[in-house]
Amino acid sequence: MADWRNVGNWHWKERNCLEWAKTYLNEQLVGVEAAADGITAKVVTVDAVTGDADLNIRKGRLLAIYDLEVKLAWKASRGDDEIAGQITIPEVAHDTDEFVYEVTSASTAIDQLPLKDFVRKQLAPAIGKKLSCFTDDMKKANGQDMYIPDSNKSSGASTPAAAPAGVDPQLAKEFKSGKVGSSSSADAAGVAKAKGATFSTVTVKQTSEFMCSADDLYTALTDPQRAAVWTRGAAEIQPVAGSRFKLFGGHIEGEITKLEPGKRIEQTWRVATWPAGHFSRVQMELEQLSTSTRLSLTQTDVPLTEEGATKTNWDRYYWNAIKGSFG
């Protein structure tokens, strides 16, 4: 019998592990100590853990993907001298094993500088040793019921097709996982053809409000440097009518057909997993309000079977991500 959770561990599956990370780091780091030459320093509390920590399954692999900022309180002493302060580790991430430690203290007394230096040279490496286990421990603690051994590998069973060439497979699986089914609020369905296939289409409409000017929102949507911030990757896009664009590793592509700076963006738009050669048409209207900007989206020719995923992913990968980029 096939395991309904994730056959062959192929499909994209994600688990948010941020709360686990907060508990884990508190348990592992509080009490970490270094002592030498009459000086003792230790971590007193974990004051903050912010960022993202997710466990994923993609193409049969269990992946820990995280990017955290960690703030710790420390104290150090030598005899009757004692000093306290904070260590900020701006990036505890899955793709680095070298950490930066920003050691600060309210005390500026010259005779206490050796204590602060001891924290930087001796306590920080002890913290790093604990952090080196984070990836493996995260997988062990959270991946037990996500990863399913593939019992069909030796039987020659076929595996699902990969994402199209040139497309980031991770993003392909993420977009597909957003599918939540059809919505009764869509406009009347239409019909489209692509590469000989005929399928129904719908119109998707959304409205979202951003705490920025219309000009800033327009720039975020069309400028490659600004778009790279909220897409978290290289963005191939230019604010030029007639130019092609690719976002999210090529998973989203199209052509900008009309621009009115600060007011309107029109483009053809498709997801790589849609029927080959089929593009929807997107119109974004930007309305400057007194303290914010309202964006109204109208997207026609969306494949009916992709309606739910499309709505979910506009919210998740565009609107929420852009809002986050503005702070």
C-alpha atoms as a PDB file:
ATOM      1  CA  MET A   1       0.000   0.000   0.000  1.00  0.00           C
ATOM      2  CA  ALA A   2       1.321   3.471  -0.894  1.00  0.00           C
ATOM      3  CA  ASP A   3       1.997   5.806   2.012  1.00  0.00           C
ATOM      4  CA  TRP A   4      -0.395   8.741   1.553  1.00  0.00           C
ATOM      5  CA  ARG A   5       1.906  11.159   3.424  1.00  0.00           C
ATOM      6  CA  ASN A   6       4.517  11.577   0.689  1.00  0.00           C
ATOM      7  CA  VAL A   7       5.047   8.718  -1.741  1.00  0.00           C
ATOM      8  CA  GLY A   8       8.739   8.221  -2.429  1.00  0.00           C
ATOM      9  CA  ASN A   9       9.535  11.394  -0.464  1.00  0.00           C
ATOM     10  CA  TRP A  10       9.417  13.190  -3.817  1.00  0.00           C
ATOM     11  CA  HIS A  11       6.846  15.916  -3.311  1.00  0.00           C
ATOM     12  CA  TRP A  12       7.773  19.120  -1.517  1.00  0.00           C
ATOM     13  CA  LYS A  13       6.806  18.996   2.145  1.00  0.00           C
ATOM     14  CA  GLU A  14       7.646  21.599   4.757  1.00  0.00           C
ATOM     15  CA  ARG A  15       7.558  21.870   8.548  1.00  0.00           C
ATOM     16  CA  ASN A  16       8.078  25.107  10.474  1.00  0.00           C
ATOM     17  CA  CYS A  17      10.631  24.419  13.225  1.00  0.00           C
ATOM     18  CA  LEU A  18      11.120  27.939  14.602  1.00  0.00           C
ATOM     19  CA  GLU A  19       9.511  27.209  17.973  1.00  0.00           C
ATOM     20  CA  TRP A  20      11.569  24.048  18.279  1.00  0.00           C
ATOM     21  CA  ALA A  21      14.703  26.080  17.461  1.00  0.00           C
ATOM     22  CA  LYS A  22      13.931  28.576  20.231  1.00  0.00           C
ATOM     23  CA  THR A  23      13.543  25.806  22.798  1.00  0.00           C
ATOM     24  CA  TYR A  24      16.573  23.899  21.536  1.00  0.00           C
ATOM     25  CA  LEU A  25      18.902  26.904  21.566  1.00  0.00           C
ATOM     26  CA  ASN A  26      17.765  27.849  25.045  1.00  0.00           C
ATOM     27  CA  GLU A  27      18.474  24.327  26.317  1.00  0.00           C
ATOM     28  CA  GLN A  28      21.815  24.028  24.540  1.00  0.00           C
ATOM     29  CA  LEU A  29      23.312  27.478  25.049  1.00  0.00           C
ATOM     30  CA  VAL A  30      22.268  28.598  28.524  1.00  0.00           C
ATOM     31  CA  GLY A  31      25.055  27.567  30.862  1.00  0.00           C
ATOM     32  CA  VAL A  32      27.749  27.204  28.192  1.00  0.00           C
ATOM     33  CA  GLU A  33      30.939  28.167  30.013  1.00  0.00           C
ATOM     34  CA  ALA A  34      34.603  28.847  29.419  1.00  0.00           C
ATOM     35  CA  ALA A  35      37.262  29.153  32.111  1.00  0.00           C
ATOM     36  CA  ALA A  36      41.013  29.832  32.018  1.00  0.00           C
ATOM     37  CA  ASP A  37      43.653  31.971  33.721  1.00  0.00           C
ATOM     38  CA  GLY A  38      41.347  32.818  36.609  1.00  0.00           C
ATOM     39  CA  ILE A  39      38.560  34.103  34.311  1.00  0.00           C
ATOM     40  CA  THR A  40      35.154  32.476  34.025  1.00  0.00           C
ATOM     41  CA  ALA A  41      32.549  33.416  31.423  1.00  0.00           C
ATOM     42  CA  LYS A  42      29.179  31.853  30.669  1.00  0.00           C
ATOM     43  CA  VAL A  43      25.916  32.316  28.796  1.00  0.00           C
ATOM     44  CA  VAL A  44      23.190  33.427  31.205  1.00  0.00           C
ATOM     45  CA  THR A  45      20.095  33.611  28.960  1.00  0.00           C
ATOM     46  CA  VAL A  46      18.971  33.339  25.357  1.00  0.00           C
ATOM     47  CA  ASP A  47      17.219  36.671  24.880  1.00  0.00           C
ATOM     48  CA  ALA A  48      15.955  36.325  21.305  1.00  0.00           C
ATOM     49  CA  VAL A  49      15.820  33.896  18.382  1.00  0.00           C
ATOM     50  CA  THR A  50      14.349  35.341  15.188  1.00  0.00           C
ATOM     51  CA  GLY A  51      14.238  34.311  11.539  1.00  0.00           C
ATOM     52  CA  ASP A  52      13.214  31.136   9.732  1.00  0.00           C
ATOM     53  CA  ALA A  53      13.769  27.454  10.457  1.00  0.00           C
ATOM     54  CA  ASP A  54      12.115  24.878   8.209  1.00  0.00           C
ATOM     55  CA  LEU A  55      12.548  21.176   7.607  1.00  0.00           C
ATOM     56  CA  ASN A  56      11.766  20.062   4.063  1.00  0.00           C
ATOM     57  CA  ILE A  57      11.552  16.967   1.927  1.00  0.00           C
ATOM     58  CA  ARG A  58      12.510  17.366  -1.726  1.00  0.00           C
ATOM     59  CA  LYS A  59      13.250  14.619  -4.233  1.00  0.00           C
ATOM     60  CA  GLY A  60      13.785  12.047  -1.489  1.00  0.00           C
ATOM     61  CA  ARG A  61      16.089  14.232   0.610  1.00  0.00           C
ATOM     62  CA  LEU A  62      15.473  15.638   4.082  1.00  0.00           C
ATOM     63  CA  LEU A  63      16.718  19.237   4.135  1.00  0.00           C
ATOM     64  CA  ALA A  64      17.136  21.636   7.049  1.00  0.00           C
ATOM     65  CA  ILE A  65      16.838  25.212   5.795  1.00  0.00           C
ATOM     66  CA  TYR A  66      17.254  27.968   8.348  1.00  0.00           C
ATOM     67  CA  ASP A  67      18.538  31.497   8.835  1.00  0.00           C
ATOM     68  CA  LEU A  68      18.384  32.757  12.415  1.00  0.00           C
ATOM     69  CA  GLU A  69      19.624  35.677  14.464  1.00  0.00           C
ATOM     70  CA  VAL A  70      20.441  34.729  18.052  1.00  0.00           C
ATOM     71  CA  LYS A  71      20.979  37.119  20.968  1.00  0.00           C
ATOM     72  CA  LEU A  72      22.516  35.904  24.232  1.00  0.00           C
ATOM     73  CA  ALA A  73      23.237  37.502  27.594  1.00  0.00           C
ATOM     74  CA  TRP A  74      26.601  36.685  29.182  1.00  0.00           C
ATOM     75  CA  LYS A  75      28.602  37.466  32.285  1.00  0.00           C
ATOM     76  CA  ALA A  76      32.279  37.102  33.058  1.00  0.00           C
ATOM     77  CA  SER A  77      34.272  37.400  36.263  1.00  0.00           C
ATOM     78  CA  ARG A  78      37.810  37.392  37.645  1.00  0.00           C
ATOM     79  CA  GLY A  79      38.060  37.571  41.383  1.00  0.00           C
ATOM     80  CA  ASP A  80      35.846  40.431  42.523  1.00  0.00           C
ATOM     81  CA  ASP A  81      35.600  41.931  39.024  1.00  0.00           C
ATOM     82  CA  GLU A  82      32.428  41.065  37.102  1.00  0.00           C
ATOM     83  CA  ILE A  83      31.066  42.285  33.781  1.00  0.00           C
ATOM     84  CA  ALA A  84      27.902  41.485  31.803  1.00  0.00           C
ATOM     85  CA  GLY A  85      26.856  42.033  28.226  1.00  0.00           C
ATOM     86  CA  GLN A  86      25.293  40.587  25.089  1.00  0.00           C
ATOM     87  CA  ILE A  87      26.442  38.416  22.203  1.00  0.00           C
ATOM     88  CA  THR A  88      24.582  38.790  18.914  1.00  0.00           C
ATOM     89  CA  ILE A  89      25.062  36.097  16.275  1.00  0.00           C
ATOM     90  CA  PRO A  90      23.490  37.718  13.198  1.00  0.00           C
ATOM     91  CA  GLU A  91      23.478  34.596  11.046  1.00  0.00           C
ATOM     92  CA  VAL A  92      23.054  31.021  12.182  1.00  0.00           C
ATOM     93  CA  ALA A  93      22.297  29.477   8.803  1.00  0.00           C
ATOM     94  CA  HIS A  94      22.209  26.115   7.065  1.00  0.00           C
ATOM     95  CA  ASP A  95      24.766  27.205   4.455  1.00  0.00           C
ATOM     96  CA  THR A  96      27.513  28.393   6.796  1.00  0.00           C
ATOM     97  CA  ASP A  97      29.552  26.854   9.595  1.00  0.00           C
ATOM     98  CA  GLU A  98      31.442  30.034  10.454  1.00  0.00           C
ATOM     99  CA  PHE A  99      29.689  32.383  12.845  1.00  0.00           C
ATOM    100  CA  VAL A 100      30.164  36.078  13.551  1.00  0.00           C
ATOM    101  CA  TYR A 101      29.931  37.074  17.213  1.00  0.00           C
ATOM    102  CA  GLU A 102      29.128  40.682  18.077  1.00  0.00           C
ATOM    103  CA  VAL A 103      30.182  41.037  21.728  1.00  0.00           C
ATOM    104  CA  THR A 104      28.983  44.140  23.554  1.00  0.00           C
ATOM    105  CA  SER A 105      28.939  45.408  27.129  1.00  0.00           C
ATOM    106  CA  ALA A 106      27.641  48.503  28.864  1.00  0.00           C
ATOM    107  CA  SER A 107      30.902  48.757  30.783  1.00  0.00           C
ATOM    108  CA  THR A 108      33.750  50.732  29.220  1.00  0.00           C
ATOM    109  CA  ALA A 109      36.193  50.374  32.106  1.00  0.00           C
ATOM    110  CA  ILE A 110      39.686  49.687  30.796  1.00  0.00           C
ATOM    111  CA  ASP A 111      40.480  47.168  33.519  1.00  0.00           C
ATOM    112  CA  GLN A 112      37.492  45.051  32.423  1.00  0.00           C
ATOM    113  CA  LEU A 113      38.474  44.862  28.755  1.00  0.00           C
ATOM    114  CA  PRO A 114      40.349  41.545  29.308  1.00  0.00           C
ATOM    115  CA  LEU A 115      37.074  39.992  30.482  1.00  0.00           C
ATOM    116  CA  LYS A 116      35.264  41.117  27.341  1.00  0.00           C
ATOM    117  CA  ASP A 117      38.149  39.886  25.208  1.00  0.00           C
ATOM    118  CA  PHE A 118      37.974  36.524  26.969  1.00  0.00           C
ATOM    119  CA  VAL A 119      34.293  36.231  26.041  1.00  0.00           C
ATOM    120  CA  ARG A 120      35.136  36.881  22.401  1.00  0.00           C
ATOM    121  CA  LYS A 121      38.081  34.469  22.239  1.00  0.00           C
ATOM    122  CA  GLN A 122      37.016  31.676  24.599  1.00  0.00           C
ATOM    123  CA  LEU A 123      33.248  31.707  25.197  1.00  0.00           C
ATOM    124  CA  ALA A 124      32.259  32.354  21.581  1.00  0.00           C
ATOM    125  CA  PRO A 125      34.018  29.215  20.241  1.00  0.00           C
ATOM    126  CA  ALA A 126      32.308  27.142  22.933  1.00  0.00           C
ATOM    127  CA  ILE A 127      28.972  28.477  21.679  1.00  0.00           C
ATOM    128  CA  GLY A 128      29.959  27.654  18.108  1.00  0.00           C
ATOM    129  CA  LYS A 129      30.671  24.059  19.064  1.00  0.00           C
ATOM    130  CA  LYS A 130      27.108  23.727  20.335  1.00  0.00           C
ATOM    131  CA  LEU A 131      25.691  25.342  17.188  1.00  0.00           C
ATOM    132  CA  SER A 132      27.559  22.890  14.967  1.00  0.00           C
ATOM    133  CA  CYS A 133      25.078  20.184  15.993  1.00  0.00           C
ATOM    134  CA  PHE A 134      22.000  22.228  15.096  1.00  0.00           C
ATOM    135  CA  THR A 135      21.349  20.758  11.623  1.00  0.00           C
ATOM    136  CA  ASP A 136      21.595  17.101  12.635  1.00  0.00           C
ATOM    137  CA  ASP A 137      19.599  17.610  15.821  1.00  0.00           C
ATOM    138  CA  MET A 138      16.888  19.497  13.926  1.00  0.00           C
ATOM    139  CA  LYS A 139      16.493  16.611  11.493  1.00  0.00           C
ATOM    140  CA  LYS A 140      16.450  13.980  14.231  1.00  0.00           C
ATOM    141  CA  ALA A 141      13.907  15.848  16.358  1.00  0.00           C
ATOM    142  CA  ASN A 142      11.504  16.882  13.598  1.00  0.00           C
ATOM    143  CA  GLY A 143      11.981  14.598  10.609  1.00  0.00           C
ATOM    144  CA  GLN A 144      10.974  11.226  12.038  1.00  0.00           C
ATOM    145  CA  ASP A 145       7.435  11.287  10.645  1.00  0.00           C
ATOM    146  CA  MET A 146       8.272  13.307   7.529  1.00  0.00           C
ATOM    147  CA  TYR A 147      10.787  11.008   5.882  1.00  0.00           C
ATOM    148  CA  ILE A 148       9.343   7.776   4.528  1.00  0.00           C
ATOM    149  CA  PRO A 149      11.752   5.054   3.332  1.00  0.00           C
ATOM    150  CA  ASP A 150      11.170   4.309  -0.351  1.00  0.00           C
ATOM    151  CA  SER A 151      10.110   0.667  -0.509  1.00  0.00           C
ATOM    152  CA  ASN A 152       9.763   0.822  -4.312  1.00  0.00           C
ATOM    153  CA  LYS A 153      13.373   1.695  -5.190  1.00  0.00           C
ATOM    154  CA  SER A 154      14.437  -1.929  -5.556  1.00  0.00           C
ATOM    155  CA  SER A 155      11.256  -2.877  -7.428  1.00  0.00           C
ATOM    156  CA  GLY A 156      11.942  -0.560 -10.342  1.00  0.00           C
ATOM    157  CA  ALA A 157       8.910   1.621  -9.663  1.00  0.00           C
ATOM    158  CA  SER A 158       8.904   4.846 -11.615  1.00  0.00           C
ATOM    159  CA  THR A 159       9.398   8.237  -9.995  1.00  0.00           C
ATOM    160  CA  PRO A 160       7.501  11.443 -10.819  1.00  0.00           C
ATOM    161  CA  ALA A 161       8.885  13.738 -13.484  1.00  0.00           C
ATOM    162  CA  ALA A 162      11.222  16.488 -12.392  1.00  0.00           C
ATOM    163  CA  ALA A 163      10.593  20.187 -12.904  1.00  0.00           C
ATOM    164  CA  PRO A 164      11.352  21.520 -16.420  1.00  0.00           C
ATOM    165  CA  ALA A 165      14.992  22.118 -17.293  1.00  0.00           C
ATOM    166  CA  GLY A 166      16.338  25.409 -15.989  1.00  0.00           C
ATOM    167  CA  VAL A 167      13.689  25.673 -13.282  1.00  0.00           C
ATOM    168  CA  ASP A 168      14.565  25.670  -9.594  1.00  0.00           C
ATOM    169  CA  PRO A 169      12.996  22.353  -8.463  1.00  0.00           C
ATOM    170  CA  GLN A 170      12.709  23.551  -4.861  1.00  0.00           C
ATOM    171  CA  LEU A 171      10.506  26.478  -5.882  1.00  0.00           C
ATOM    172  CA  ALA A 172       8.560  24.237  -8.242  1.00  0.00           C
ATOM    173  CA  LYS A 173       7.582  21.962  -5.378  1.00  0.00           C
ATOM    174  CA  GLU A 174       6.816  24.902  -3.093  1.00  0.00           C
ATOM    175  CA  PHE A 175       4.431  26.462  -5.584  1.00  0.00           C
ATOM    176  CA  LYS A 176       2.658  23.191  -6.203  1.00  0.00           C
ATOM    177  CA  SER A 177       2.262  22.604  -2.471  1.00  0.00           C
ATOM    178  CA  GLY A 178       0.231  25.808  -2.241  1.00  0.00           C
ATOM    179  CA  LYS A 179      -2.661  24.206  -4.095  1.00  0.00           C
ATOM    180  CA  VAL A 180      -5.830  24.371  -2.014  1.00  0.00           C
ATOM    181  CA  GLY A 181      -8.555  23.598  -4.545  1.00  0.00           C
ATOM    182  CA  SER A 182     -10.953  25.693  -6.599  1.00  0.00           C
ATOM    183  CA  SER A 183     -12.755  28.701  -5.207  1.00  0.00           C
ATOM    184  CA  SER A 184     -16.367  29.574  -5.884  1.00  0.00           C
ATOM    185  CA  SER A 185     -15.505  33.289  -5.859  1.00  0.00           C
ATOM    186  CA  ALA A 186     -13.738  33.188  -9.247  1.00  0.00           C
ATOM    187  CA  ASP A 187     -15.162  34.825 -12.372  1.00  0.00           C
ATOM    188  CA  ALA A 188     -16.770  32.723 -15.092  1.00  0.00           C
ATOM    189  CA  ALA A 189     -14.454  30.086 -16.477  1.00  0.00           C
ATOM    190  CA  GLY A 190     -13.021  30.276 -19.971  1.00  0.00           C
ATOM    191  CA  VAL A 191     -11.292  27.799 -22.253  1.00  0.00           C
ATOM    192  CA  ALA A 192      -7.679  27.771 -23.446  1.00  0.00           C
ATOM    193  CA  LYS A 193      -5.508  25.616 -25.678  1.00  0.00           C
ATOM    194  CA  ALA A 194      -1.793  24.899 -25.317  1.00  0.00           C
ATOM    195  CA  LYS A 195       0.228  22.379 -27.340  1.00  0.00           C
ATOM    196  CA  GLY A 196      -2.960  20.654 -28.482  1.00  0.00           C
ATOM    197  CA  ALA A 197      -4.468  20.420 -24.971  1.00  0.00           C
ATOM    198  CA  THR A 198      -7.755  22.142 -24.136  1.00  0.00           C
ATOM    199  CA  PHE A 199      -8.492  23.192 -20.561  1.00  0.00           C
ATOM    200  CA  SER A 200     -10.721  25.527 -18.568  1.00  0.00           C
ATOM    201  CA  THR A 201      -9.450  28.855 -17.253  1.00  0.00           C
ATOM    202  CA  VAL A 202     -10.602  31.357 -14.615  1.00  0.00           C
ATOM    203  CA  THR A 203      -9.913  34.944 -13.598  1.00  0.00           C
ATOM    204  CA  VAL A 204      -8.249  35.619 -10.256  1.00  0.00           C
ATOM    205  CA  LYS A 205      -8.748  38.962  -8.498  1.00  0.00           C
ATOM    206  CA  GLN A 206      -6.974  40.134  -5.342  1.00  0.00           C
ATOM    207  CA  THR A 207      -6.470  43.351  -3.413  1.00  0.00           C
ATOM    208  CA  SER A 208      -3.677  44.055  -0.930  1.00  0.00           C
ATOM    209  CA  GLU A 209      -2.544  47.164   0.950  1.00  0.00           C
ATOM    210  CA  PHE A 210       1.109  48.145   1.477  1.00  0.00           C
ATOM    211  CA  MET A 211       2.536  50.661   3.937  1.00  0.00           C
ATOM    212  CA  CYS A 212       4.651  52.452   1.355  1.00  0.00           C
ATOM    213  CA  SER A 213       4.263  54.875  -1.511  1.00  0.00           C
ATOM    214  CA  ALA A 214       2.969  53.775  -4.907  1.00  0.00           C
ATOM    215  CA  ASP A 215       6.356  54.659  -6.422  1.00  0.00           C
ATOM    216  CA  ASP A 216       8.203  52.451  -3.921  1.00  0.00           C
ATOM    217  CA  LEU A 217       5.837  49.534  -4.558  1.00  0.00           C
ATOM    218  CA  TYR A 218       6.204  49.953  -8.318  1.00  0.00           C
ATOM    219  CA  THR A 219       9.994  49.879  -7.931  1.00  0.00           C
ATOM    220  CA  ALA A 220       9.860  46.766  -5.731  1.00  0.00           C
ATOM    221  CA  LEU A 221       7.895  44.982  -8.459  1.00  0.00           C
ATOM    222  CA  THR A 222      10.042  46.034 -11.432  1.00  0.00           C
ATOM    223  CA  ASP A 223      13.600  46.777 -10.286  1.00  0.00           C
ATOM    224  CA  PRO A 224      15.973  43.757 -10.263  1.00  0.00           C
ATOM    225  CA  GLN A 225      17.809  44.776  -7.066  1.00  0.00           C
ATOM    226  CA  ARG A 226      14.591  45.447  -5.167  1.00  0.00           C
ATOM    227  CA  ALA A 227      12.917  42.294  -6.503  1.00  0.00           C
ATOM    228  CA  ALA A 228      15.915  40.219  -5.434  1.00  0.00           C
ATOM    229  CA  VAL A 229      15.210  41.214  -1.825  1.00  0.00           C
ATOM    230  CA  TRP A 230      11.680  39.815  -1.624  1.00  0.00           C
ATOM    231  CA  THR A 231      12.261  36.849  -3.956  1.00  0.00           C
ATOM    232  CA  ARG A 232      15.434  35.971  -1.977  1.00  0.00           C
ATOM    233  CA  GLY A 233      17.359  35.273  -5.157  1.00  0.00           C
ATOM    234  CA  ALA A 234      18.527  36.715  -8.470  1.00  0.00           C
ATOM    235  CA  ALA A 235      15.675  38.504 -10.245  1.00  0.00           C
ATOM    236  CA  GLU A 236      15.757  38.830 -14.026  1.00  0.00           C
ATOM    237  CA  ILE A 237      13.447  41.794 -14.560  1.00  0.00           C
ATOM    238  CA  GLN A 238      13.680  45.340 -15.921  1.00  0.00           C
ATOM    239  CA  PRO A 239      11.170  48.237 -15.840  1.00  0.00           C
ATOM    240  CA  VAL A 240      10.936  48.206 -19.643  1.00  0.00           C
ATOM    241  CA  ALA A 241       7.834  47.383 -21.700  1.00  0.00           C
ATOM    242  CA  GLY A 242       8.520  44.456 -24.024  1.00  0.00           C
ATOM    243  CA  SER A 243      11.196  42.933 -21.779  1.00  0.00           C
ATOM    244  CA  ARG A 244      11.104  39.342 -20.547  1.00  0.00           C
ATOM    245  CA  PHE A 245      11.353  38.481 -16.842  1.00  0.00           C
ATOM    246  CA  LYS A 246      12.159  35.428 -14.716  1.00  0.00           C
ATOM    247  CA  LEU A 247      11.710  35.148 -10.949  1.00  0.00           C
ATOM    248  CA  PHE A 248      12.212  32.412  -8.333  1.00  0.00           C
ATOM    249  CA  GLY A 249      14.924  30.611 -10.270  1.00  0.00           C
ATOM    250  CA  GLY A 250      12.905  30.688 -13.501  1.00  0.00           C
ATOM    251  CA  HIS A 251       9.781  29.147 -12.008  1.00  0.00           C
ATOM    252  CA  ILE A 252       7.838  32.332 -12.818  1.00  0.00           C
ATOM    253  CA  GLU A 253       8.341  33.944 -16.221  1.00  0.00           C
ATOM    254  CA  GLY A 254       6.648  36.260 -18.669  1.00  0.00           C
ATOM    255  CA  GLU A 255       6.855  39.551 -20.514  1.00  0.00           C
ATOM    256  CA  ILE A 256       6.112  43.079 -19.342  1.00  0.00           C
ATOM    257  CA  THR A 257       3.633  44.478 -21.866  1.00  0.00           C
ATOM    258  CA  LYS A 258       2.733  47.892 -20.439  1.00  0.00           C
ATOM    259  CA  LEU A 259       4.017  50.174 -17.683  1.00  0.00           C
ATOM    260  CA  GLU A 260       2.778  53.366 -16.060  1.00  0.00           C
ATOM    261  CA  PRO A 261       5.322  54.237 -13.334  1.00  0.00           C
ATOM    262  CA  GLY A 262       3.680  54.323  -9.927  1.00  0.00           C
ATOM    263  CA  LYS A 263       0.284  53.402 -11.382  1.00  0.00           C
ATOM    264  CA  ARG A 264       0.069  50.248 -13.474  1.00  0.00           C
ATOM    265  CA  ILE A 265       1.952  47.108 -14.501  1.00  0.00           C
ATOM    266  CA  GLU A 266       0.708  44.735 -17.183  1.00  0.00           C
ATOM    267  CA  GLN A 267       2.437  41.483 -18.091  1.00  0.00           C
ATOM    268  CA  THR A 268       2.049  37.967 -19.385  1.00  0.00           C
ATOM    269  CA  TRP A 269       2.767  35.494 -16.582  1.00  0.00           C
ATOM    270  CA  ARG A 270       3.121  31.754 -16.171  1.00  0.00           C
ATOM    271  CA  VAL A 271       4.319  29.085 -13.759  1.00  0.00           C
ATOM    272  CA  ALA A 272       6.746  26.529 -15.205  1.00  0.00           C
ATOM    273  CA  THR A 273       4.433  23.655 -14.261  1.00  0.00           C
ATOM    274  CA  TRP A 274       1.493  25.050 -16.261  1.00  0.00           C
ATOM    275  CA  PRO A 275       0.656  23.551 -19.691  1.00  0.00           C
ATOM    276  CA  ALA A 276       3.551  24.242 -22.046  1.00  0.00           C
ATOM    277  CA  GLY A 277       3.331  27.581 -23.806  1.00  0.00           C
ATOM    278  CA  HIS A 278       0.334  28.847 -21.826  1.00  0.00           C
ATOM    279  CA  PHE A 279       0.503  32.342 -20.288  1.00  0.00           C
ATOM    280  CA  SER A 280      -2.023  34.217 -18.189  1.00  0.00           C
ATOM    281  CA  ARG A 281      -2.405  37.992 -18.395  1.00  0.00           C
ATOM    282  CA  VAL A 282      -1.765  40.054 -15.257  1.00  0.00           C
ATOM    283  CA  GLN A 283      -2.780  43.634 -14.560  1.00  0.00           C
ATOM    284  CA  MET A 284      -1.707  45.375 -11.344  1.00  0.00           C
ATOM    285  CA  GLU A 285      -3.290  48.741 -10.511  1.00  0.00           C
ATOM    286  CA  LEU A 286      -1.534  50.848  -7.841  1.00  0.00           C
ATOM    287  CA  GLU A 287      -3.632  53.419  -5.969  1.00  0.00           C
ATOM    288  CA  GLN A 288      -1.894  55.918  -3.718  1.00  0.00           C
ATOM    289  CA  LEU A 289      -3.829  56.413  -0.477  1.00  0.00           C
ATOM    290  CA  SER A 290      -3.098  58.893   2.305  1.00  0.00           C
ATOM    291  CA  THR A 291      -0.635  56.677   4.215  1.00  0.00           C
ATOM    292  CA  SER A 292      -0.468  53.507   2.090  1.00  0.00           C
ATOM    293  CA  THR A 293      -0.886  52.049  -1.386  1.00  0.00           C
ATOM    294  CA  ARG A 294      -3.632  49.703  -2.538  1.00  0.00           C
ATOM    295  CA  LEU A 295      -2.703  47.128  -5.175  1.00  0.00           C
ATOM    296  CA  SER A 296      -5.504  45.550  -7.196  1.00  0.00           C
ATOM    297  CA  LEU A 297      -4.636  42.440  -9.205  1.00  0.00           C
ATOM    298  CA  THR A 298      -6.641  41.040 -12.113  1.00  0.00           C
ATOM    299  CA  GLN A 299      -5.245  37.851 -13.667  1.00  0.00           C
ATOM    300  CA  THR A 300      -7.065  36.227 -16.588  1.00  0.00           C
ATOM    301  CA  ASP A 301      -6.558  32.816 -18.251  1.00  0.00           C
ATOM    302  CA  VAL A 302      -5.436  30.977 -15.103  1.00  0.00           C
ATOM    303  CA  PRO A 303      -5.842  27.195 -15.558  1.00  0.00           C
ATOM    304  CA  LEU A 304      -8.829  26.129 -13.489  1.00  0.00           C
ATOM    305  CA  THR A 305      -6.855  23.393 -11.742  1.00  0.00           C
ATOM    306  CA  GLU A 306      -4.255  25.993 -10.650  1.00  0.00           C
ATOM    307  CA  GLU A 307      -6.705  28.555  -9.243  1.00  0.00           C
ATOM    308  CA  GLY A 308      -6.240  27.746  -5.556  1.00  0.00           C
ATOM    309  CA  ALA A 309      -2.449  27.479  -5.795  1.00  0.00           C
ATOM    310  CA  THR A 310      -2.241  30.740  -7.721  1.00  0.00           C
ATOM    311  CA  LYS A 311      -4.231  32.660  -5.101  1.00  0.00           C
ATOM    312  CA  THR A 312      -2.240  31.194  -2.237  1.00  0.00           C
ATOM    313  CA  ASN A 313       1.098  31.894  -3.884  1.00  0.00           C
ATOM    314  CA  TRP A 314       0.353  35.519  -4.809  1.00  0.00           C
ATOM    315  CA  ASP A 315      -0.252  36.068  -1.096  1.00  0.00           C
ATOM    316  CA  ARG A 316       2.725  34.077   0.129  1.00  0.00           C
ATOM    317  CA  TYR A 317       5.447  34.771  -2.425  1.00  0.00           C
ATOM    318  CA  TYR A 318       4.498  38.258  -3.611  1.00  0.00           C
ATOM    319  CA  TRP A 319       2.376  40.329  -1.220  1.00  0.00           C
ATOM    320  CA  ASN A 320       3.629  39.023   2.150  1.00  0.00           C
ATOM    321  CA  ALA A 321       7.221  38.845   0.944  1.00  0.00           C
ATOM    322  CA  ILE A 322       7.117  42.424  -0.401  1.00  0.00           C
ATOM    323  CA  LYS A 323       5.576  43.702   2.828  1.00  0.00           C
ATOM    324  CA  GLY A 324       8.355  41.988   4.747  1.00  0.00           C
ATOM    325  CA  SER A 325      10.989  43.662   2.568  1.00  0.00           C
ATOM    326  CA  PHE A 326       9.708  47.076   3.645  1.00  0.00           C
ATOM    327  CA  GLY A 327      10.194  46.127   7.333  1.00  0.00           C
END
